[in-house]
PDB file of N, CA and C in Angstrom:
ATOM      1  N   MET A   1      19.862  -2.668  16.403  1.00  0.00           N
ATOM      2  CA  MET A   1      18.882  -3.385  17.155  1.00  0.00           C
ATOM      3  C   MET A   1      19.569  -4.021  18.357  1.00  0.00           C
ATOM      4  N   VAL A   2      18.919  -3.923  19.488  1.00  0.00           N
ATOM      5  CA  VAL A   2      19.409  -4.555  20.713  1.00  0.00           C
ATOM      6  C   VAL A   2      18.315  -5.504  21.183  1.00  0.00           C
ATOM      7  N   TYR A   3      18.665  -6.775  21.322  1.00  0.00           N
ATOM      8  CA  TYR A   3      17.726  -7.786  21.786  1.00  0.00           C
ATOM      9  C   TYR A   3      18.098  -8.185  23.209  1.00  0.00           C
ATOM     10  N   SER A   4      17.076  -8.393  24.042  1.00  0.00           N
ATOM     11  CA  SER A   4      17.354  -8.824  25.402  1.00  0.00           C
ATOM     12  C   SER A   4      16.202  -9.666  25.934  1.00  0.00           C
ATOM     13  N   LEU A   5      16.529 -10.505  26.900  1.00  0.00           N
ATOM     14  CA  LEU A   5      15.555 -11.290  27.657  1.00  0.00           C
ATOM     15  C   LEU A   5      15.663 -10.832  29.108  1.00  0.00           C
ATOM     16  N   PRO A   6      14.985  -9.731  29.471  1.00  0.00           N
ATOM     17  CA  PRO A   6      15.167  -9.152  30.802  1.00  0.00           C
ATOM     18  C   PRO A   6      14.625  -9.994  31.949  1.00  0.00           C
ATOM     19  N   ASP A   7      13.607 -10.792  31.696  1.00  0.00           N
ATOM     20  CA  ASP A   7      13.066 -11.658  32.735  1.00  0.00           C
ATOM     21  C   ASP A   7      12.331 -12.821  32.079  1.00  0.00           C
ATOM     22  N   THR A   8      11.771 -13.683  32.870  1.00  0.00           N
ATOM     23  CA  THR A   8      11.108 -14.873  32.356  1.00  0.00           C
ATOM     24  C   THR A   8       9.974 -14.514  31.398  1.00  0.00           C
ATOM     25  N   ALA A   9       9.991 -15.167  30.235  1.00  0.00           N
ATOM     26  CA  ALA A   9       8.938 -15.032  29.225  1.00  0.00           C
ATOM     27  C   ALA A   9       8.800 -13.615  28.681  1.00  0.00           C
ATOM     28  N   SER A  10       9.890 -12.882  28.578  1.00  0.00           N
ATOM     29  CA  SER A  10       9.820 -11.574  27.929  1.00  0.00           C
ATOM     30  C   SER A  10      10.990 -11.407  26.977  1.00  0.00           C
ATOM     31  N   PHE A  11      10.746 -10.646  25.949  1.00  0.00           N
ATOM     32  CA  PHE A  11      11.710 -10.438  24.879  1.00  0.00           C
ATOM     33  C   PHE A  11      11.628  -8.967  24.497  1.00  0.00           C
ATOM     34  N   HIS A  12      12.736  -8.268  24.506  1.00  0.00           N
ATOM     35  CA  HIS A  12      12.745  -6.859  24.131  1.00  0.00           C
ATOM     36  C   HIS A  12      13.585  -6.676  22.876  1.00  0.00           C
ATOM     37  N   GLN A  13      13.075  -5.853  21.983  1.00  0.00           N
ATOM     38  CA  GLN A  13      13.799  -5.471  20.779  1.00  0.00           C
ATOM     39  C   GLN A  13      13.806  -3.951  20.759  1.00  0.00           C
ATOM     40  N   ASP A  14      14.969  -3.361  20.891  1.00  0.00           N
ATOM     41  CA  ASP A  14      15.079  -1.909  20.947  1.00  0.00           C
ATOM     42  C   ASP A  14      15.856  -1.399  19.741  1.00  0.00           C
ATOM     43  N   VAL A  15      15.401  -0.285  19.197  1.00  0.00           N
ATOM     44  CA  VAL A  15      16.110   0.389  18.115  1.00  0.00           C
ATOM     45  C   VAL A  15      16.940   1.502  18.744  1.00  0.00           C
ATOM     46  N   VAL A  16      18.229   1.527  18.435  1.00  0.00           N
ATOM     47  CA  VAL A  16      19.123   2.517  19.018  1.00  0.00           C
ATOM     48  C   VAL A  16      19.668   3.400  17.897  1.00  0.00           C
ATOM     49  N   PHE A  17      19.407   4.692  17.981  1.00  0.00           N
ATOM     50  CA  PHE A  17      19.949   5.643  17.020  1.00  0.00           C
ATOM     51  C   PHE A  17      21.272   6.156  17.573  1.00  0.00           C
ATOM     52  N   THR A  18      22.324   6.034  16.800  1.00  0.00           N
ATOM     53  CA  THR A  18      23.653   6.414  17.288  1.00  0.00           C
ATOM     54  C   THR A  18      24.124   7.760  16.752  1.00  0.00           C
ATOM     55  N   GLY A  19      23.355   8.369  15.896  1.00  0.00           N
ATOM     56  CA  GLY A  19      23.754   9.663  15.364  1.00  0.00           C
ATOM     57  C   GLY A  19      22.542  10.406  14.834  1.00  0.00           C
ATOM     58  N   PHE A  20      22.690  11.696  14.620  1.00  0.00           N
ATOM     59  CA  PHE A  20      21.593  12.496  14.099  1.00  0.00           C
ATOM     60  C   PHE A  20      22.164  13.558  13.185  1.00  0.00           C
ATOM     61  N   ASP A  21      21.584  13.662  12.005  1.00  0.00           N
ATOM     62  CA  ASP A  21      21.983  14.683  11.031  1.00  0.00           C
ATOM     63  C   ASP A  21      21.102  15.906  11.264  1.00  0.00           C
ATOM     64  N   SER A  22      21.685  17.023  11.695  1.00  0.00           N
ATOM     65  CA  SER A  22      20.906  18.222  12.016  1.00  0.00           C
ATOM     66  C   SER A  22      20.223  18.812  10.780  1.00  0.00           C
ATOM     67  N   ASP A  23      20.668  18.432   9.580  1.00  0.00           N
ATOM     68  CA  ASP A  23      20.045  18.911   8.345  1.00  0.00           C
ATOM     69  C   ASP A  23      18.919  17.992   7.869  1.00  0.00           C
ATOM     70  N   PHE A  24      18.651  16.927   8.626  1.00  0.00           N
ATOM     71  CA  PHE A  24      17.607  15.984   8.236  1.00  0.00           C
ATOM     72  C   PHE A  24      16.245  16.659   8.259  1.00  0.00           C
ATOM     73  N   SER A  25      15.450  16.395   7.223  1.00  0.00           N
ATOM     74  CA  SER A  25      14.088  16.916   7.167  1.00  0.00           C
ATOM     75  C   SER A  25      13.184  15.829   6.589  1.00  0.00           C
ATOM     76  N   PRO A  26      12.112  15.464   7.297  1.00  0.00           N
ATOM     77  CA  PRO A  26      11.175  14.477   6.749  1.00  0.00           C
ATOM     78  C   PRO A  26      10.536  14.920   5.436  1.00  0.00           C
ATOM     79  N   THR A  27      10.547  16.231   5.154  1.00  0.00           N
ATOM     80  CA  THR A  27       9.982  16.706   3.889  1.00  0.00           C
ATOM     81  C   THR A  27      10.781  16.177   2.699  1.00  0.00           C
ATOM     82  N   ASN A  28      12.056  15.815   2.922  1.00  0.00           N
ATOM     83  CA  ASN A  28      12.859  15.226   1.844  1.00  0.00           C
ATOM     84  C   ASN A  28      12.320  13.863   1.416  1.00  0.00           C
ATOM     85  N   TRP A  29      11.509  13.254   2.280  1.00  0.00           N
ATOM     86  CA  TRP A  29      10.941  11.927   2.022  1.00  0.00           C
ATOM     87  C   TRP A  29       9.468  12.012   1.636  1.00  0.00           C
ATOM     88  N   GLY A  30       8.974  13.219   1.364  1.00  0.00           N
ATOM     89  CA  GLY A  30       7.599  13.384   0.910  1.00  0.00           C
ATOM     90  C   GLY A  30       6.573  13.661   1.984  1.00  0.00           C
ATOM     91  N   PHE A  31       7.013  13.839   3.229  1.00  0.00           N
ATOM     92  CA  PHE A  31       6.074  14.143   4.303  1.00  0.00           C
ATOM     93  C   PHE A  31       5.808  15.642   4.337  1.00  0.00           C
ATOM     94  N   ALA A  32       4.590  16.018   4.704  1.00  0.00           N
ATOM     95  CA  ALA A  32       4.209  17.428   4.789  1.00  0.00           C
ATOM     96  C   ALA A  32       4.977  18.116   5.911  1.00  0.00           C
ATOM     97  N   GLU A  33       5.281  19.373   5.729  1.00  0.00           N
ATOM     98  CA  GLU A  33       5.996  20.156   6.746  1.00  0.00           C
ATOM     99  C   GLU A  33       5.244  20.137   8.079  1.00  0.00           C
ATOM    100  N   SER A  34       3.909  20.159   8.010  1.00  0.00           N
ATOM    101  CA  SER A  34       3.098  20.189   9.235  1.00  0.00           C
ATOM    102  C   SER A  34       3.126  18.866  10.003  1.00  0.00           C
ATOM    103  N   SER A  35       3.609  17.796   9.383  1.00  0.00           N
ATOM    104  CA  SER A  35       3.608  16.485  10.053  1.00  0.00           C
ATOM    105  C   SER A  35       4.947  16.137  10.698  1.00  0.00           C
ATOM    106  N   THR A  36       5.927  17.005  10.603  1.00  0.00           N
ATOM    107  CA  THR A  36       7.264  16.651  11.068  1.00  0.00           C
ATOM    108  C   THR A  36       7.373  16.460  12.574  1.00  0.00           C
ATOM    109  N   ASN A  37       6.440  16.987  13.363  1.00  0.00           N
ATOM    110  CA  ASN A  37       6.483  16.793  14.812  1.00  0.00           C
ATOM    111  C   ASN A  37       5.640  15.616  15.283  1.00  0.00           C
ATOM    112  N   SER A  38       4.984  14.921  14.355  1.00  0.00           N
ATOM    113  CA  SER A  38       4.095  13.831  14.752  1.00  0.00           C
ATOM    114  C   SER A  38       4.433  12.511  14.062  1.00  0.00           C
ATOM    115  N   LEU A  39       5.573  12.429  13.410  1.00  0.00           N
ATOM    116  CA  LEU A  39       5.957  11.190  12.729  1.00  0.00           C
ATOM    117  C   LEU A  39       6.369  10.137  13.743  1.00  0.00           C
ATOM    118  N   GLN A  40       6.085   8.870  13.414  1.00  0.00           N
ATOM    119  CA  GLN A  40       6.447   7.755  14.275  1.00  0.00           C
ATOM    120  C   GLN A  40       7.207   6.727  13.453  1.00  0.00           C
ATOM    121  N   ILE A  41       8.073   5.992  14.097  1.00  0.00           N
ATOM    122  CA  ILE A  41       8.799   4.901  13.454  1.00  0.00           C
ATOM    123  C   ILE A  41       8.114   3.609  13.861  1.00  0.00           C
ATOM    124  N   GLN A  42       7.851   2.767  12.878  1.00  0.00           N
ATOM    125  CA  GLN A  42       7.210   1.487  13.155  1.00  0.00           C
ATOM    126  C   GLN A  42       8.199   0.375  12.842  1.00  0.00           C
ATOM    127  N   ILE A  43       8.426  -0.499  13.802  1.00  0.00           N
ATOM    128  CA  ILE A  43       9.330  -1.633  13.637  1.00  0.00           C
ATOM    129  C   ILE A  43       8.481  -2.897  13.571  1.00  0.00           C
ATOM    130  N   ILE A  44       8.715  -3.702  12.558  1.00  0.00           N
ATOM    131  CA  ILE A  44       7.961  -4.934  12.379  1.00  0.00           C
ATOM    132  C   ILE A  44       8.911  -6.110  12.492  1.00  0.00           C
ATOM    133  N   THR A  45       8.553  -7.074  13.311  1.00  0.00           N
ATOM    134  CA  THR A  45       9.354  -8.278  13.506  1.00  0.00           C
ATOM    135  C   THR A  45       8.504  -9.478  13.128  1.00  0.00           C
ATOM    136  N   GLU A  46       9.086 -10.400  12.389  1.00  0.00           N
ATOM    137  CA  GLU A  46       8.358 -11.604  11.992  1.00  0.00           C
ATOM    138  C   GLU A  46       8.992 -12.824  12.640  1.00  0.00           C
ATOM    139  N   PHE A  47       8.160 -13.649  13.256  1.00  0.00           N
ATOM    140  CA  PHE A  47       8.598 -14.924  13.815  1.00  0.00           C
ATOM    141  C   PHE A  47       8.066 -16.022  12.905  1.00  0.00           C
ATOM    142  N   TYR A  48       8.905 -16.997  12.590  1.00  0.00           N
ATOM    143  CA  TYR A  48       8.486 -18.122  11.766  1.00  0.00           C
ATOM    144  C   TYR A  48       8.047 -19.281  12.650  1.00  0.00           C
ATOM    145  N   ASP A  49       6.850 -19.795  12.430  1.00  0.00           N
ATOM    146  CA  ASP A  49       6.267 -20.909  13.186  1.00  0.00           C
ATOM    147  C   ASP A  49       6.276 -20.695  14.705  1.00  0.00           C
ATOM    148  N   PRO A  50       5.795 -19.553  15.183  1.00  0.00           N
ATOM    149  CA  PRO A  50       5.756 -19.354  16.634  1.00  0.00           C
ATOM    150  C   PRO A  50       4.554 -20.067  17.237  1.00  0.00           C
ATOM    151  N   PRO A  51       4.583 -20.282  18.543  1.00  0.00           N
ATOM    152  CA  PRO A  51       3.372 -20.782  19.205  1.00  0.00           C
ATOM    153  C   PRO A  51       2.317 -19.668  19.211  1.00  0.00           C
ATOM    154  N   GLN A  52       1.073 -20.017  19.420  1.00  0.00           N
ATOM    155  CA  GLN A  52       0.006 -19.011  19.469  1.00  0.00           C
ATOM    156  C   GLN A  52       0.219 -18.122  20.704  1.00  0.00           C
ATOM    157  N   PRO A  53       0.432 -16.808  20.506  1.00  0.00           N
ATOM    158  CA  PRO A  53       0.689 -15.940  21.663  1.00  0.00           C
ATOM    159  C   PRO A  53      -0.597 -15.445  22.322  1.00  0.00           C
ATOM    160  N   LEU A  54      -0.460 -15.051  23.556  1.00  0.00           N
ATOM    161  CA  LEU A  54      -1.515 -14.321  24.248  1.00  0.00           C
ATOM    162  C   LEU A  54      -1.207 -12.846  23.989  1.00  0.00           C
ATOM    163  N   MET A  55      -2.127 -12.101  23.373  1.00  0.00           N
ATOM    164  CA  MET A  55      -1.860 -10.708  23.035  1.00  0.00           C
ATOM    165  C   MET A  55      -2.517  -9.785  24.046  1.00  0.00           C
ATOM    166  N   LEU A  56      -1.703  -8.938  24.656  1.00  0.00           N
ATOM    167  CA  LEU A  56      -2.171  -7.945  25.618  1.00  0.00           C
ATOM    168  C   LEU A  56      -2.101  -6.570  24.966  1.00  0.00           C
ATOM    169  N   THR A  57      -3.155  -5.781  25.089  1.00  0.00           N
ATOM    170  CA  THR A  57      -3.230  -4.464  24.469  1.00  0.00           C
ATOM    171  C   THR A  57      -3.109  -3.385  25.529  1.00  0.00           C
ATOM    172  N   ASN A  58      -2.202  -2.426  25.293  1.00  0.00           N
ATOM    173  CA  ASN A  58      -2.011  -1.311  26.215  1.00  0.00           C
ATOM    174  C   ASN A  58      -2.091  -0.012  25.411  1.00  0.00           C
ATOM    175  N   TYR A  59      -3.115   0.796  25.681  1.00  0.00           N
ATOM    176  CA  TYR A  59      -3.262   2.073  24.978  1.00  0.00           C
ATOM    177  C   TYR A  59      -2.347   3.105  25.633  1.00  0.00           C
ATOM    178  N   ILE A  60      -1.376   3.592  24.881  1.00  0.00           N
ATOM    179  CA  ILE A  60      -0.432   4.585  25.393  1.00  0.00           C
ATOM    180  C   ILE A  60      -1.024   5.985  25.266  1.00  0.00           C
ATOM    181  N   TYR A  61      -1.670   6.237  24.118  1.00  0.00           N
ATOM    182  CA  TYR A  61      -2.332   7.526  23.907  1.00  0.00           C
ATOM    183  C   TYR A  61      -3.598   7.279  23.094  1.00  0.00           C
ATOM    184  N   VAL A  62      -4.716   7.848  23.521  1.00  0.00           N
ATOM    185  CA  VAL A  62      -5.985   7.746  22.813  1.00  0.00           C
ATOM    186  C   VAL A  62      -6.439   9.157  22.454  1.00  0.00           C
ATOM    187  N   GLU A  63      -6.568   9.429  21.159  1.00  0.00           N
ATOM    188  CA  GLU A  63      -7.028  10.738  20.700  1.00  0.00           C
ATOM    189  C   GLU A  63      -8.499  10.889  21.068  1.00  0.00           C
ATOM    190  N   GLN A  64      -8.826  11.938  21.813  1.00  0.00           N
ATOM    191  CA  GLN A  64     -10.190  12.142  22.309  1.00  0.00           C
ATOM    192  C   GLN A  64     -11.050  13.000  21.380  1.00  0.00           C
ATOM    193  N   ASN A  65     -10.424  13.810  20.556  1.00  0.00           N
ATOM    194  CA  ASN A  65     -11.152  14.729  19.676  1.00  0.00           C
ATOM    195  C   ASN A  65     -11.714  13.957  18.485  1.00  0.00           C
ATOM    196  N   PRO A  66     -13.046  13.872  18.334  1.00  0.00           N
ATOM    197  CA  PRO A  66     -13.647  13.110  17.240  1.00  0.00           C
ATOM    198  C   PRO A  66     -13.253  13.610  15.851  1.00  0.00           C
ATOM    199  N   GLN A  67     -13.069  14.915  15.691  1.00  0.00           N
ATOM    200  CA  GLN A  67     -12.687  15.461  14.390  1.00  0.00           C
ATOM    201  C   GLN A  67     -11.252  15.068  14.040  1.00  0.00           C
ATOM    202  N   VAL A  68     -10.365  15.108  15.008  1.00  0.00           N
ATOM    203  CA  VAL A  68      -8.978  14.700  14.779  1.00  0.00           C
ATOM    204  C   VAL A  68      -8.931  13.201  14.489  1.00  0.00           C
ATOM    205  N   ARG A  69      -9.689  12.406  15.248  1.00  0.00           N
ATOM    206  CA  ARG A  69      -9.742  10.948  15.035  1.00  0.00           C
ATOM    207  C   ARG A  69     -10.167  10.617  13.605  1.00  0.00           C
ATOM    208  N   ALA A  70     -11.206  11.349  13.115  1.00  0.00           N
ATOM    209  CA  ALA A  70     -11.742  11.080  11.781  1.00  0.00           C
ATOM    210  C   ALA A  70     -10.730  11.377  10.684  1.00  0.00           C
ATOM    211  N   ALA A  71      -9.798  12.282  10.950  1.00  0.00           N
ATOM    212  CA  ALA A  71      -8.815  12.672   9.945  1.00  0.00           C
ATOM    213  C   ALA A  71      -7.554  11.805   9.967  1.00  0.00           C
ATOM    214  N   MET A  72      -7.439  10.932  10.960  1.00  0.00           N
ATOM    215  CA  MET A  72      -6.226  10.125  11.109  1.00  0.00           C
ATOM    216  C   MET A  72      -6.490   8.665  10.770  1.00  0.00           C
ATOM    217  N   ALA A  73      -5.509   8.015  10.135  1.00  0.00           N
ATOM    218  CA  ALA A  73      -5.619   6.587   9.835  1.00  0.00           C
ATOM    219  C   ALA A  73      -5.487   5.765  11.111  1.00  0.00           C
ATOM    220  N   SER A  74      -4.592   6.148  12.002  1.00  0.00           N
ATOM    221  CA  SER A  74      -4.373   5.453  13.279  1.00  0.00           C
ATOM    222  C   SER A  74      -4.299   6.497  14.384  1.00  0.00           C
ATOM    223  N   PRO A  75      -5.444   6.901  14.920  1.00  0.00           N
ATOM    224  CA  PRO A  75      -5.440   7.999  15.902  1.00  0.00           C
ATOM    225  C   PRO A  75      -4.907   7.631  17.276  1.00  0.00           C
ATOM    226  N   ASP A  76      -4.779   6.351  17.578  1.00  0.00           N
ATOM    227  CA  ASP A  76      -4.319   5.937  18.896  1.00  0.00           C
ATOM    228  C   ASP A  76      -2.926   5.324  18.813  1.00  0.00           C
ATOM    229  N   LEU A  77      -2.147   5.507  19.863  1.00  0.00           N
ATOM    230  CA  LEU A  77      -0.835   4.875  19.972  1.00  0.00           C
ATOM    231  C   LEU A  77      -1.014   3.665  20.883  1.00  0.00           C
ATOM    232  N   ILE A  78      -0.836   2.473  20.306  1.00  0.00           N
ATOM    233  CA  ILE A  78      -1.130   1.233  21.024  1.00  0.00           C
ATOM    234  C   ILE A  78       0.123   0.375  21.097  1.00  0.00           C
ATOM    235  N   ASP A  79       0.379  -0.161  22.272  1.00  0.00           N
ATOM    236  CA  ASP A  79       1.478  -1.107  22.464  1.00  0.00           C
ATOM    237  C   ASP A  79       0.861  -2.492  22.620  1.00  0.00           C
ATOM    238  N   TYR A  80       1.297  -3.424  21.779  1.00  0.00           N
ATOM    239  CA  TYR A  80       0.826  -4.802  21.871  1.00  0.00           C
ATOM    240  C   TYR A  80       1.934  -5.643  22.490  1.00  0.00           C
ATOM    241  N   THR A  81       1.620  -6.330  23.553  1.00  0.00           N
ATOM    242  CA  THR A  81       2.568  -7.226  24.191  1.00  0.00           C
ATOM    243  C   THR A  81       2.156  -8.649  23.839  1.00  0.00           C
ATOM    244  N   LEU A  82       3.087  -9.413  23.268  1.00  0.00           N
ATOM    245  CA  LEU A  82       2.821 -10.802  22.926  1.00  0.00           C
ATOM    246  C   LEU A  82       3.473 -11.694  23.966  1.00  0.00           C
ATOM    247  N   ASP A  83       2.685 -12.502  24.612  1.00  0.00           N
ATOM    248  CA  ASP A  83       3.188 -13.439  25.614  1.00  0.00           C
ATOM    249  C   ASP A  83       3.416 -14.776  24.917  1.00  0.00           C
ATOM    250  N   LEU A  84       4.684 -15.094  24.677  1.00  0.00           N
ATOM    251  CA  LEU A  84       5.064 -16.328  23.990  1.00  0.00           C
ATOM    252  C   LEU A  84       5.712 -17.303  24.959  1.00  0.00           C
ATOM    253  N   ASP A  85       5.814 -18.510  24.545  1.00  0.00           N
ATOM    254  CA  ASP A  85       6.461 -19.552  25.337  1.00  0.00           C
ATOM    255  C   ASP A  85       7.930 -19.201  25.586  1.00  0.00           C
ATOM    256  N   THR A  86       8.419 -19.411  26.792  1.00  0.00           N
ATOM    257  CA  THR A  86       9.794 -19.076  27.164  1.00  0.00           C
ATOM    258  C   THR A  86      10.823 -19.795  26.293  1.00  0.00           C
ATOM    259  N   MET A  87      10.619 -21.064  26.022  1.00  0.00           N
ATOM    260  CA  MET A  87      11.583 -21.816  25.201  1.00  0.00           C
ATOM    261  C   MET A  87      11.648 -21.264  23.787  1.00  0.00           C
ATOM    262  N   PHE A  88      10.520 -20.812  23.261  1.00  0.00           N
ATOM    263  CA  PHE A  88      10.503 -20.213  21.931  1.00  0.00           C
ATOM    264  C   PHE A  88      11.341 -18.940  21.919  1.00  0.00           C
ATOM    265  N   LEU A  89      11.201 -18.102  22.948  1.00  0.00           N
ATOM    266  CA  LEU A  89      11.973 -16.860  23.007  1.00  0.00           C
ATOM    267  C   LEU A  89      13.470 -17.140  23.094  1.00  0.00           C
ATOM    268  N   ALA A  90      13.841 -18.148  23.838  1.00  0.00           N
ATOM    269  CA  ALA A  90      15.263 -18.502  23.930  1.00  0.00           C
ATOM    270  C   ALA A  90      15.787 -18.914  22.561  1.00  0.00           C
ATOM    271  N   ARG A  91      14.993 -19.656  21.790  1.00  0.00           N
ATOM    272  CA  ARG A  91      15.407 -20.087  20.456  1.00  0.00           C
ATOM    273  C   ARG A  91      15.532 -18.877  19.527  1.00  0.00           C
ATOM    274  N   VAL A  92      14.583 -17.921  19.621  1.00  0.00           N
ATOM    275  CA  VAL A  92      14.630 -16.724  18.790  1.00  0.00           C
ATOM    276  C   VAL A  92      15.873 -15.912  19.100  1.00  0.00           C
ATOM    277  N   LEU A  93      16.146 -15.688  20.369  1.00  0.00           N
ATOM    278  CA  LEU A  93      17.318 -14.904  20.744  1.00  0.00           C
ATOM    279  C   LEU A  93      18.599 -15.599  20.294  1.00  0.00           C
ATOM    280  N   TYR A  94      18.695 -16.902  20.486  1.00  0.00           N
ATOM    281  CA  TYR A  94      19.879 -17.647  20.067  1.00  0.00           C
ATOM    282  C   TYR A  94      20.072 -17.518  18.558  1.00  0.00           C
ATOM    283  N   THR A  95      19.000 -17.654  17.779  1.00  0.00           N
ATOM    284  CA  THR A  95      19.086 -17.535  16.331  1.00  0.00           C
ATOM    285  C   THR A  95      19.515 -16.139  15.921  1.00  0.00           C
ATOM    286  N   ALA A  96      18.959 -15.115  16.550  1.00  0.00           N
ATOM    287  CA  ALA A  96      19.307 -13.725  16.220  1.00  0.00           C
ATOM    288  C   ALA A  96      20.781 -13.460  16.499  1.00  0.00           C
ATOM    289  N   ILE A  97      21.288 -13.959  17.595  1.00  0.00           N
ATOM    290  CA  ILE A  97      22.686 -13.718  17.955  1.00  0.00           C
ATOM    291  C   ILE A  97      23.629 -14.491  17.028  1.00  0.00           C
ATOM    292  N   THR A  98      23.322 -15.730  16.724  1.00  0.00           N
ATOM    293  CA  THR A  98      24.227 -16.550  15.910  1.00  0.00           C
ATOM    294  C   THR A  98      24.211 -16.167  14.437  1.00  0.00           C
ATOM    295  N   LYS A  99      23.171 -15.481  13.956  1.00  0.00           N
ATOM    296  CA  LYS A  99      23.109 -15.065  12.547  1.00  0.00           C
ATOM    297  C   LYS A  99      23.943 -13.813  12.290  1.00  0.00           C
ATOM    298  N   TRP A 100      24.319 -13.077  13.352  1.00  0.00           N
ATOM    299  CA  TRP A 100      25.103 -11.854  13.164  1.00  0.00           C
ATOM    300  C   TRP A 100      26.530 -12.233  13.233  1.00  0.00           C
TER     301      TRP A 100
END
């Protein structure tokens, strides 16, 4: 994980993969062979006692086919941006760095 504060009131958390096993197959984890090109990684971060954020929604991809939408649990790829207080973000970053 790489954490950064690139500008005022923003916080980035990036996942960096440093290696890849060419023999890796998602089917080893119970996923269907047909789903191996559409798998996504979901990263969840929890903040304890944060201020109430302003949540901005950005649709990255919206599935237009109604039949495909009906067959999917989450047919759209959505990015949620949380606008938090700047001082809170500084405290979060400081805590993350000092705990490692």
